[in-house]
Every structure is written in C-alpha cells, then in structure tokens.
Amino acid sequence: MTTWEYLTTPLLIHNTAAILNNWGKQGWELVQVVPGPEGGLVAYFKRPTGGDAAGAANAGLGAAAVAAQQFEGEGHA
C-alpha cells in the first residue's frame, strides 16, 4: 500500500509557475489550490513516502519556510 506525505505552501501570484515547478522537481504532485484564510492562494501537494523522498522532504520543508516568510513579508499574513 502506498503511503503519502503532504505539504501546503502559499502561492505568490507573481511567481506561481516557479513555485509549482520547484515543488514538482522535488517529487511533489499538486493536489489542489484553495483561497487562503487571509487571502491569496494555498497549494496542497502530496508525494509517496520512503526511498529518496525522505532526503528531499527536509529540503522541501526549508523551501516552504522561505516561501511562507516571503508571503508574510508582502502583508498577506
């Protein structure tokens, strides 16, 4: 049985393609985009756990933190 890990990240309107491509290169599949609670958009991703995904997950978390800081810095928090 496949097990999954999930990630959410804000999408910056002016940089949407780059953000989506970055997560895709790390093995994340876009599941859904929804309006954020404070405006803007939030992307939901998933990918199978195990194998090479474990090392990339840590890099992904760091990138998510950077994206969240950029999102907050633009007054969207």
N, C-alpha and C. Protein backbone atom coordinates (compact mmCIF):
# COMPACT_ATOMS: atom_id res chain seq x y z
N MET A 1 0.84 -1.18 0.00
CA MET A 1 0.00 0.00 0.00
C MET A 1 0.89 1.25 0.00
N THR A 2 0.54 2.21 -0.82
CA THR A 2 1.29 3.46 -0.89
C THR A 2 0.91 4.35 0.28
N THR A 3 1.92 4.90 0.93
CA THR A 3 1.68 5.91 1.96
C THR A 3 2.14 7.25 1.41
N TRP A 4 1.53 8.32 1.89
CA TRP A 4 1.77 9.65 1.34
C TRP A 4 2.23 10.62 2.41
N GLU A 5 2.97 11.62 1.99
CA GLU A 5 3.26 12.78 2.83
C GLU A 5 2.68 13.99 2.12
N TYR A 6 2.33 15.00 2.89
CA TYR A 6 1.63 16.16 2.35
C TYR A 6 2.35 17.45 2.71
N LEU A 7 2.12 18.47 1.89
CA LEU A 7 2.75 19.77 2.07
C LEU A 7 1.76 20.85 1.64
N THR A 8 1.70 21.93 2.39
CA THR A 8 0.95 23.10 1.96
C THR A 8 1.91 24.28 1.89
N THR A 9 1.68 25.16 0.94
CA THR A 9 2.52 26.34 0.80
C THR A 9 1.72 27.46 0.14
N PRO A 10 1.98 28.70 0.53
CA PRO A 10 1.31 29.82 -0.15
C PRO A 10 1.82 29.95 -1.58
N LEU A 11 0.97 30.40 -2.47
CA LEU A 11 1.36 30.68 -3.85
C LEU A 11 1.39 32.18 -4.05
N LEU A 12 2.52 32.69 -4.45
CA LEU A 12 2.65 34.10 -4.75
C LEU A 12 2.20 34.30 -6.19
N ILE A 13 1.22 35.13 -6.40
CA ILE A 13 0.61 35.29 -7.72
C ILE A 13 1.65 35.62 -8.80
N HIS A 14 2.60 36.47 -8.49
CA HIS A 14 3.59 36.86 -9.49
C HIS A 14 4.65 35.80 -9.74
N ASN A 15 4.64 34.68 -8.98
CA ASN A 15 5.69 33.67 -9.11
C ASN A 15 5.11 32.25 -9.07
N THR A 16 3.86 32.09 -9.46
CA THR A 16 3.17 30.82 -9.32
C THR A 16 3.86 29.68 -10.07
N ALA A 17 4.20 29.89 -11.33
CA ALA A 17 4.81 28.82 -12.13
C ALA A 17 6.13 28.36 -11.52
N ALA A 18 6.96 29.29 -11.08
CA ALA A 18 8.25 28.92 -10.49
C ALA A 18 8.06 28.12 -9.21
N ILE A 19 7.10 28.50 -8.39
CA ILE A 19 6.84 27.78 -7.15
C ILE A 19 6.36 26.36 -7.46
N LEU A 20 5.39 26.23 -8.37
CA LEU A 20 4.87 24.91 -8.72
C LEU A 20 5.94 24.04 -9.35
N ASN A 21 6.77 24.61 -10.24
CA ASN A 21 7.85 23.84 -10.87
C ASN A 21 8.88 23.38 -9.84
N ASN A 22 9.18 24.24 -8.87
CA ASN A 22 10.14 23.88 -7.83
C ASN A 22 9.66 22.67 -7.04
N TRP A 23 8.41 22.66 -6.61
CA TRP A 23 7.88 21.53 -5.85
C TRP A 23 7.79 20.29 -6.74
N GLY A 24 7.41 20.46 -8.00
CA GLY A 24 7.33 19.33 -8.92
C GLY A 24 8.68 18.65 -9.11
N LYS A 25 9.75 19.43 -9.20
CA LYS A 25 11.10 18.87 -9.35
C LYS A 25 11.52 18.06 -8.14
N GLN A 26 10.91 18.35 -6.98
CA GLN A 26 11.23 17.62 -5.76
C GLN A 26 10.29 16.44 -5.55
N GLY A 27 9.47 16.14 -6.56
CA GLY A 27 8.61 14.97 -6.49
C GLY A 27 7.22 15.21 -5.93
N TRP A 28 6.86 16.47 -5.69
CA TRP A 28 5.54 16.79 -5.14
C TRP A 28 4.53 16.93 -6.27
N GLU A 29 3.36 16.34 -6.10
CA GLU A 29 2.27 16.45 -7.05
C GLU A 29 1.23 17.43 -6.51
N LEU A 30 0.85 18.40 -7.32
CA LEU A 30 -0.17 19.37 -6.91
C LEU A 30 -1.51 18.65 -6.84
N VAL A 31 -2.18 18.80 -5.69
CA VAL A 31 -3.48 18.17 -5.48
C VAL A 31 -4.60 19.19 -5.64
N GLN A 32 -4.39 20.38 -5.05
CA GLN A 32 -5.45 21.37 -5.04
C GLN A 32 -4.89 22.75 -4.71
N VAL A 33 -5.54 23.78 -5.22
CA VAL A 33 -5.25 25.16 -4.85
C VAL A 33 -6.54 25.76 -4.32
N VAL A 34 -6.45 26.36 -3.13
CA VAL A 34 -7.63 26.93 -2.49
C VAL A 34 -7.31 28.35 -2.01
N PRO A 35 -8.33 29.18 -1.82
CA PRO A 35 -8.10 30.50 -1.23
C PRO A 35 -7.57 30.36 0.20
N GLY A 36 -6.59 31.18 0.54
CA GLY A 36 -6.04 31.16 1.89
C GLY A 36 -6.95 31.86 2.87
N PRO A 37 -6.78 31.61 4.17
CA PRO A 37 -7.64 32.20 5.19
C PRO A 37 -7.50 33.72 5.27
N GLU A 38 -6.35 34.22 4.86
CA GLU A 38 -6.09 35.67 4.92
C GLU A 38 -6.00 36.26 3.51
N GLY A 39 -6.55 35.57 2.53
CA GLY A 39 -6.42 35.99 1.14
C GLY A 39 -5.29 35.25 0.47
N GLY A 40 -5.09 35.48 -0.79
CA GLY A 40 -4.06 34.76 -1.53
C GLY A 40 -4.49 33.33 -1.77
N LEU A 41 -3.55 32.53 -2.26
CA LEU A 41 -3.83 31.13 -2.58
C LEU A 41 -2.90 30.21 -1.80
N VAL A 42 -3.39 29.01 -1.49
CA VAL A 42 -2.58 27.99 -0.82
C VAL A 42 -2.62 26.74 -1.68
N ALA A 43 -1.45 26.16 -1.93
CA ALA A 43 -1.34 24.94 -2.73
C ALA A 43 -1.15 23.75 -1.81
N TYR A 44 -1.83 22.66 -2.13
CA TYR A 44 -1.70 21.39 -1.41
C TYR A 44 -1.02 20.39 -2.33
N PHE A 45 0.04 19.77 -1.83
CA PHE A 45 0.82 18.80 -2.59
C PHE A 45 0.86 17.47 -1.85
N LYS A 46 1.17 16.39 -2.61
CA LYS A 46 1.41 15.09 -2.00
C LYS A 46 2.50 14.38 -2.78
N ARG A 47 3.16 13.41 -2.12
CA ARG A 47 4.10 12.52 -2.79
C ARG A 47 4.23 11.26 -1.94
N PRO A 48 4.60 10.16 -2.58
CA PRO A 48 4.78 8.91 -1.82
C PRO A 48 5.91 9.06 -0.82
N THR A 49 5.79 8.41 0.32
CA THR A 49 6.87 8.42 1.32
C THR A 49 7.86 7.33 1.01
N GLY A 50 9.03 7.41 1.66
CA GLY A 50 10.05 6.38 1.52
C GLY A 50 11.02 6.68 0.40
N GLY A 51 12.05 5.86 0.31
CA GLY A 51 13.06 5.99 -0.75
C GLY A 51 13.75 7.33 -0.71
N ASP A 52 13.94 7.93 -1.88
CA ASP A 52 14.64 9.21 -2.00
C ASP A 52 13.81 10.37 -1.49
N ALA A 53 12.53 10.17 -1.29
CA ALA A 53 11.66 11.26 -0.86
C ALA A 53 12.05 11.78 0.51
N ALA A 54 12.61 10.92 1.36
CA ALA A 54 12.93 11.33 2.73
C ALA A 54 13.95 12.47 2.75
N GLY A 55 15.01 12.37 1.96
CA GLY A 55 16.01 13.43 1.93
C GLY A 55 15.46 14.70 1.33
N ALA A 56 14.67 14.59 0.29
CA ALA A 56 14.10 15.76 -0.35
C ALA A 56 13.06 16.44 0.53
N ALA A 57 12.44 15.67 1.42
CA ALA A 57 11.41 16.24 2.28
C ALA A 57 12.00 17.33 3.16
N ASN A 58 13.20 17.09 3.69
CA ASN A 58 13.82 18.09 4.55
C ASN A 58 14.13 19.36 3.77
N ALA A 59 14.60 19.23 2.54
CA ALA A 59 14.85 20.40 1.70
C ALA A 59 13.54 21.10 1.40
N GLY A 60 12.49 20.34 1.18
CA GLY A 60 11.18 20.92 0.90
C GLY A 60 10.65 21.72 2.06
N LEU A 61 10.88 21.25 3.28
CA LEU A 61 10.41 21.99 4.44
C LEU A 61 11.12 23.33 4.57
N GLY A 62 12.41 23.35 4.26
CA GLY A 62 13.15 24.61 4.30
C GLY A 62 12.63 25.58 3.25
N ALA A 63 12.35 25.07 2.05
CA ALA A 63 11.82 25.92 0.99
C ALA A 63 10.44 26.43 1.35
N ALA A 64 9.65 25.60 2.01
CA ALA A 64 8.31 26.03 2.44
C ALA A 64 8.41 27.16 3.45
N ALA A 65 9.37 27.08 4.35
CA ALA A 65 9.55 28.13 5.34
C ALA A 65 9.94 29.45 4.67
N VAL A 66 10.82 29.38 3.68
CA VAL A 66 11.23 30.58 2.95
C VAL A 66 10.03 31.18 2.21
N ALA A 67 9.25 30.33 1.55
CA ALA A 67 8.07 30.82 0.82
C ALA A 67 7.07 31.47 1.78
N ALA A 68 6.89 30.86 2.94
CA ALA A 68 5.95 31.42 3.91
C ALA A 68 6.43 32.78 4.41
N GLN A 69 7.73 32.93 4.63
CA GLN A 69 8.27 34.21 5.07
C GLN A 69 8.08 35.27 3.99
N GLN A 70 8.29 34.90 2.73
CA GLN A 70 8.10 35.85 1.64
C GLN A 70 6.64 36.26 1.56
N PHE A 71 5.76 35.29 1.73
CA PHE A 71 4.32 35.55 1.67
C PHE A 71 3.92 36.51 2.79
N GLU A 72 4.41 36.27 4.00
CA GLU A 72 4.09 37.12 5.14
C GLU A 72 4.70 38.51 4.97
N GLY A 73 5.89 38.56 4.37
CA GLY A 73 6.57 39.83 4.18
C GLY A 73 5.84 40.77 3.23
N GLU A 74 4.95 40.22 2.41
CA GLU A 74 4.19 41.04 1.47
C GLU A 74 2.88 41.50 2.07
N GLY A 75 2.69 41.29 3.38
CA GLY A 75 1.49 41.76 4.05
C GLY A 75 0.29 40.86 3.87
N HIS A 76 0.53 39.57 3.57
CA HIS A 76 -0.57 38.63 3.38
C HIS A 76 -0.83 37.77 4.60
N ALA A 77 -0.05 37.94 5.66
CA ALA A 77 -0.16 37.04 6.81
C ALA A 77 -1.37 37.33 7.65
